[in-house]
Amino acid sequence: MKPLILSTIALELARLYAGQAAGGVEPLRHSAEAVTASIKTAVGRMAVKQQPFENVVPEFIIGGEWTTTLKLTNRGTASIPQGQGRAIFVDSDGRSMTATFQITGGSVITDSGFTFFLEPGAIVETTFFGTSQTQFGHILIDPSTCPATAACGLYGEAVLRNRNATRPDFESVFPLEQPADVQHMLFDHRSGNSTILYLVGLSSGAETVALEFRNASNQLVRTVSVTLPSAGSQIIPLTTAAPETIGLMGTLTIRVLTANAYVTATALKINPSNSFTPVRAFVPK
């Protein structure tokens, strides 16, 4: 079994000067088969624990005009020890995805994920590079990185940038998202605006999701059924999925119909000039 590694970068500490909180990133150093197994294990832990842990980057785009930067921080009182933190890159079909990224300190790694450690207050950053071909996927932070019973506190955000020489860069910030079986999202398709939904399935098998569109009077406009592969994702233009919503403001309910399955969701609101802003889903309390 050949390891999926294109670099030999050793563990790097992000300590800039004495006394500063430290964090570090190193390659995952696993085969493609092992990474796929890790994806299944991480998804299984989510289903078992069902904890309010924000651990998914639903919108991971690199290559072409796109760049993603991921920042992770520990705001708890206990460290996330070396090797316990694990981030896994997953493509839209739920398979291992290889990416090249630069870590804090400047070293460059090509792998299908990374392990990390974080002392309280520390931050690690990874900036991803793509080729001329655009890749779409998501990032899973294994729930065992910072269990609910531990005193660590993992938070993070992904910065998505679109660069085109004909205009200024477009950039949006997306926090880590929490898996749930029901989520809600506001949409506004008035004045030529549209919404692109990024939906990530978190199940050991295929799952069925209902997208329920309601207008501002809470009247059901349309229901659309979506099937997601195990740990896979879809990009869904909402005005294409439900053209009845053009010109309307309302709420999208994302409801998982498969038992013991979860999703995370985020979106981009696109205006007529093609600039975008993030739209976050919210989980019912």
Protein backbone atom coordinates (compact mmCIF):
# COMPACT_ATOMS: atom_id res chain seq x y z
CA MET A 1 0.00 0.00 0.00
CA LYS A 2 1.75 3.12 -1.20
CA PRO A 3 1.43 6.21 1.03
CA LEU A 4 -0.21 9.20 -0.63
CA ILE A 5 2.62 11.66 0.07
CA LEU A 6 4.37 14.09 -2.23
CA SER A 7 6.35 15.88 0.46
CA THR A 8 8.60 14.94 3.38
CA ILE A 9 7.83 17.96 5.58
CA ALA A 10 8.42 17.20 9.24
CA LEU A 11 6.34 18.60 12.08
CA GLU A 12 6.56 22.39 12.15
CA LEU A 13 5.89 24.53 15.22
CA ALA A 14 4.15 27.85 14.76
CA ARG A 15 6.00 29.48 17.65
CA LEU A 16 7.09 32.95 16.50
CA TYR A 17 8.86 33.91 19.67
CA ALA A 18 9.36 32.55 23.18
CA GLY A 19 6.24 32.38 25.32
CA GLN A 20 3.73 32.44 22.45
CA ALA A 21 1.11 29.69 22.29
CA ALA A 22 2.12 27.01 19.80
CA GLY A 23 0.40 24.99 17.15
CA GLY A 24 1.67 22.79 14.39
CA VAL A 25 0.68 20.97 11.22
CA GLU A 26 2.14 17.85 9.62
CA PRO A 27 1.15 15.67 6.63
CA LEU A 28 -1.48 13.01 7.14
CA ARG A 29 0.85 10.37 5.58
CA HIS A 30 -1.93 7.88 4.87
CA SER A 31 -2.79 5.87 1.78
CA ALA A 32 -5.88 6.77 -0.22
CA GLU A 33 -7.60 3.66 1.17
CA ALA A 34 -6.74 4.64 4.74
CA VAL A 35 -8.03 8.15 4.20
CA THR A 36 -11.31 6.80 2.83
CA ALA A 37 -11.59 4.62 5.95
CA SER A 38 -10.88 7.71 8.09
CA ILE A 39 -13.73 9.53 6.37
CA LYS A 40 -16.13 6.70 7.23
CA THR A 41 -14.84 6.63 10.82
CA ALA A 42 -15.23 10.39 11.25
CA VAL A 43 -18.77 10.31 9.86
CA GLY A 44 -19.59 7.40 12.16
CA ARG A 45 -18.36 9.33 15.19
CA MET A 46 -20.63 12.25 14.25
CA ALA A 47 -23.65 9.95 14.16
CA VAL A 48 -22.82 8.31 17.49
CA LYS A 49 -21.88 11.42 19.44
CA GLN A 50 -24.48 13.80 17.99
CA GLN A 51 -22.68 16.62 19.74
CA PRO A 52 -22.96 20.32 18.83
CA PHE A 53 -19.48 20.34 17.32
CA GLU A 54 -18.79 22.62 14.37
CA ASN A 55 -16.33 20.51 12.43
CA VAL A 56 -17.10 20.72 8.70
CA VAL A 57 -15.93 23.17 6.03
CA PRO A 58 -18.77 22.65 3.52
CA GLU A 59 -17.30 24.91 0.85
CA PHE A 60 -13.77 23.93 -0.16
CA ILE A 61 -12.85 25.20 -3.64
CA ILE A 62 -9.35 25.36 -5.11
CA GLY A 63 -7.93 25.82 -8.59
CA GLY A 64 -8.93 28.03 -11.48
CA GLU A 65 -9.93 31.39 -9.99
CA TRP A 66 -10.41 29.97 -6.49
CA THR A 67 -8.28 29.80 -3.35
CA THR A 68 -9.24 28.63 0.15
CA THR A 69 -7.43 29.48 3.40
CA LEU A 70 -8.28 27.56 6.58
CA LYS A 71 -7.56 28.90 10.08
CA LEU A 72 -8.02 26.81 13.25
CA THR A 73 -7.70 28.00 16.84
CA ASN A 74 -8.02 26.49 20.31
CA ARG A 75 -9.93 28.80 22.65
CA GLY A 76 -10.21 26.27 25.47
CA THR A 77 -8.04 25.69 28.54
CA ALA A 78 -6.60 22.31 27.48
CA SER A 79 -4.29 21.52 24.57
CA ILE A 80 -5.20 19.50 21.51
CA PRO A 81 -2.15 17.21 21.63
CA GLN A 82 0.13 16.28 18.76
CA GLY A 83 -1.55 13.88 16.34
CA GLN A 84 -5.04 14.19 17.88
CA GLY A 85 -6.23 16.94 15.55
CA ARG A 86 -7.07 15.58 12.12
CA ALA A 87 -8.39 17.33 9.01
CA ILE A 88 -9.45 15.21 6.00
CA PHE A 89 -10.04 16.51 2.45
CA VAL A 90 -13.04 14.95 0.71
CA ASP A 91 -14.22 15.36 -2.88
CA SER A 92 -17.85 15.70 -3.96
CA ASP A 93 -18.18 11.92 -4.37
CA GLY A 94 -17.07 11.28 -0.78
CA ARG A 95 -13.59 10.08 -1.76
CA SER A 96 -10.12 11.14 -0.68
CA MET A 97 -9.07 14.44 -2.27
CA THR A 98 -5.43 15.47 -2.65
CA ALA A 99 -4.51 19.14 -2.27
CA THR A 100 -1.38 21.27 -2.02
CA PHE A 101 -1.19 23.79 0.81
CA GLN A 102 1.24 26.06 2.62
CA ILE A 103 1.34 25.93 6.41
CA THR A 104 2.34 28.46 9.04
CA GLY A 105 6.04 29.08 8.57
CA GLY A 106 6.04 28.63 4.79
CA SER A 107 6.48 24.89 4.22
CA VAL A 108 4.41 23.35 1.42
CA ILE A 109 2.64 19.97 1.71
CA THR A 110 0.71 17.89 -0.81
CA ASP A 111 -1.53 15.33 0.87
CA SER A 112 -5.14 14.28 1.45
CA GLY A 113 -5.31 15.92 4.86
CA PHE A 114 -3.16 16.87 7.84
CA THR A 115 -2.79 16.33 11.56
CA PHE A 116 -2.33 19.24 13.93
CA PHE A 117 -1.89 20.23 17.54
CA LEU A 118 -2.96 23.42 19.27
CA GLU A 119 -2.08 24.80 22.67
CA PRO A 120 -4.71 27.08 24.25
CA GLY A 121 -4.84 30.33 22.30
CA ALA A 122 -2.78 29.07 19.36
CA ILE A 123 -3.72 29.41 15.68
CA VAL A 124 -2.64 27.34 12.67
CA GLU A 125 -3.24 28.41 9.09
CA THR A 126 -3.20 26.49 5.80
CA THR A 127 -3.47 28.18 2.41
CA PHE A 128 -4.42 25.92 -0.50
CA PHE A 129 -3.16 26.10 -4.08
CA GLY A 130 -4.82 24.62 -7.12
CA THR A 131 -4.11 24.13 -10.79
CA SER A 132 -5.96 25.50 -13.79
CA GLN A 133 -8.66 22.91 -13.03
CA THR A 134 -11.16 23.76 -10.30
CA GLN A 135 -11.71 21.19 -7.54
CA PHE A 136 -14.78 21.15 -5.31
CA GLY A 137 -15.10 19.33 -2.01
CA HIS A 138 -15.21 19.78 1.75
CA ILE A 139 -13.00 19.34 4.81
CA LEU A 140 -13.89 17.13 7.79
CA ILE A 141 -12.37 17.73 11.22
CA ASP A 142 -12.55 14.38 13.01
CA PRO A 143 -14.81 14.77 16.11
CA SER A 144 -12.18 13.03 18.24
CA THR A 145 -9.98 16.13 17.76
CA CYS A 146 -11.74 17.93 20.60
CA PRO A 147 -14.36 15.72 22.31
CA ALA A 148 -17.33 17.30 24.08
CA THR A 149 -15.98 16.14 27.46
CA ALA A 150 -12.57 17.79 26.92
CA ALA A 151 -11.57 21.30 27.99
CA CYS A 152 -10.25 22.28 24.56
CA GLY A 153 -12.28 24.58 22.33
CA LEU A 154 -11.75 24.22 18.58
CA TYR A 155 -13.01 26.96 16.28
CA GLY A 156 -12.17 27.77 12.72
CA GLU A 157 -13.03 29.55 9.52
CA ALA A 158 -12.36 29.17 5.81
CA VAL A 159 -11.70 32.20 3.61
CA LEU A 160 -12.85 31.68 0.04
CA ARG A 161 -11.32 33.99 -2.57
CA ASN A 162 -12.20 34.37 -6.25
CA ARG A 163 -9.59 36.22 -8.31
CA ASN A 164 -10.20 37.52 -11.82
CA ALA A 165 -7.93 40.05 -13.54
CA THR A 166 -10.92 41.97 -14.93
CA ARG A 167 -12.21 43.07 -11.50
CA PRO A 168 -11.33 43.28 -7.79
CA ASP A 169 -11.06 40.03 -5.84
CA PHE A 170 -14.23 38.63 -4.26
CA GLU A 171 -13.74 37.12 -0.80
CA SER A 172 -16.02 35.61 1.83
CA VAL A 173 -15.48 34.02 5.24
CA PHE A 174 -17.22 30.77 6.24
CA PRO A 175 -17.05 29.41 9.81
CA LEU A 176 -16.92 25.69 10.53
CA GLU A 177 -20.43 24.24 10.40
CA GLN A 178 -22.31 21.84 12.66
CA PRO A 179 -23.87 18.63 11.26
CA ALA A 180 -27.62 18.31 11.87
CA ASP A 181 -30.64 16.48 10.47
CA VAL A 182 -32.66 19.70 10.14
CA GLN A 183 -31.34 23.15 9.23
CA HIS A 184 -32.88 26.40 8.02
CA MET A 185 -31.52 29.04 5.67
CA LEU A 186 -32.93 32.40 4.59
CA PHE A 187 -32.94 33.20 0.88
CA ASP A 188 -33.64 36.41 -1.02
CA HIS A 189 -34.16 36.06 -4.76
CA ARG A 190 -35.52 39.54 -5.31
CA SER A 191 -33.82 42.17 -7.51
CA GLY A 192 -31.95 39.60 -9.57
CA ASN A 193 -30.24 37.89 -6.62
CA SER A 194 -29.68 34.13 -6.58
CA THR A 195 -28.33 31.54 -4.11
CA ILE A 196 -25.87 28.69 -4.59
CA LEU A 197 -26.27 26.01 -1.91
CA TYR A 198 -23.35 23.82 -0.80
CA LEU A 199 -24.76 20.67 0.79
CA VAL A 200 -22.55 18.03 2.44
CA GLY A 201 -23.82 14.59 3.41
CA LEU A 202 -22.53 12.95 6.59
CA SER A 203 -23.62 9.34 6.53
CA SER A 204 -22.05 5.92 6.13
CA GLY A 205 -24.27 5.40 3.08
CA ALA A 206 -26.29 7.40 0.58
CA GLU A 207 -28.85 9.74 2.11
CA THR A 208 -31.95 11.51 0.92
CA VAL A 209 -32.53 15.15 1.77
CA ALA A 210 -35.69 17.22 1.26
CA LEU A 211 -35.30 20.91 0.39
CA GLU A 212 -38.49 22.68 1.48
CA PHE A 213 -38.93 26.21 0.09
CA ARG A 214 -41.33 28.53 1.90
CA ASN A 215 -42.22 32.12 1.13
CA ALA A 216 -42.24 35.01 3.60
CA SER A 217 -45.77 33.97 4.66
CA ASN A 218 -44.49 30.47 5.53
CA GLN A 219 -46.41 28.92 2.65
CA LEU A 220 -44.77 25.91 1.02
CA VAL A 221 -43.67 26.83 -2.49
CA ARG A 222 -41.90 23.66 -3.54
CA THR A 223 -40.13 20.58 -2.16
CA VAL A 224 -37.11 19.16 -3.95
CA SER A 225 -35.54 15.76 -3.20
CA VAL A 226 -31.75 15.43 -3.28
CA THR A 227 -29.68 12.24 -2.96
CA LEU A 228 -26.16 12.57 -1.57
CA PRO A 229 -23.49 9.84 -1.77
CA SER A 230 -21.82 8.71 1.44
CA ALA A 231 -19.77 11.67 2.74
CA GLY A 232 -20.38 13.38 -0.61
CA SER A 233 -21.64 16.84 -1.53
CA GLN A 234 -23.62 18.77 -4.11
CA ILE A 235 -23.63 22.34 -5.37
CA ILE A 236 -27.25 23.37 -5.99
CA PRO A 237 -28.38 26.67 -7.60
CA LEU A 238 -31.61 27.31 -5.72
CA THR A 239 -33.31 29.32 -8.47
CA THR A 240 -32.74 26.36 -10.81
CA ALA A 241 -33.95 23.79 -8.27
CA ALA A 242 -37.00 25.91 -7.44
CA PRO A 243 -37.62 28.57 -10.15
CA GLU A 244 -40.81 29.54 -8.31
CA THR A 245 -38.60 31.32 -5.77
CA ILE A 246 -37.34 33.89 -8.31
CA GLY A 247 -38.52 37.28 -7.06
CA LEU A 248 -39.29 35.92 -3.58
CA MET A 249 -37.78 36.12 -0.11
CA GLY A 250 -38.25 33.12 2.13
CA THR A 251 -36.83 30.22 4.12
CA LEU A 252 -35.26 26.98 2.95
CA THR A 253 -35.61 24.04 5.33
CA ILE A 254 -33.04 21.30 4.77
CA ARG A 255 -34.47 18.06 6.17
CA VAL A 256 -32.63 14.71 6.18
CA LEU A 257 -35.02 11.84 5.50
CA THR A 258 -32.50 9.02 6.05
CA ALA A 259 -32.15 7.66 9.59
CA ASN A 260 -28.88 8.37 11.46
CA ALA A 261 -27.67 10.72 8.73
CA TYR A 262 -26.73 14.39 8.89
CA VAL A 263 -25.83 17.28 6.61
CA THR A 264 -24.04 20.56 6.83
CA ALA A 265 -24.90 23.47 4.58
CA THR A 266 -23.71 26.88 3.57
CA ALA A 267 -24.38 29.08 0.56
CA LEU A 268 -23.32 32.01 -1.56
CA LYS A 269 -25.75 34.82 -2.36
CA ILE A 270 -24.91 36.09 -5.85
CA ASN A 271 -25.98 39.56 -6.95
CA PRO A 272 -26.52 40.66 -10.59
CA SER A 273 -22.91 41.92 -10.84
CA ASN A 274 -21.72 38.38 -9.87
CA SER A 275 -20.18 39.44 -6.56
CA PHE A 276 -21.07 37.17 -3.64
CA THR A 277 -21.58 37.10 0.11
CA PRO A 278 -21.86 34.08 2.45
CA VAL A 279 -25.19 32.74 3.72
CA ARG A 280 -25.14 30.55 6.82
CA ALA A 281 -27.65 27.87 7.75
CA PHE A 282 -28.91 27.73 11.33
CA VAL A 283 -29.75 24.68 13.43
CA PRO A 284 -33.03 24.70 15.38
CA LYS A 285 -32.56 24.80 19.15
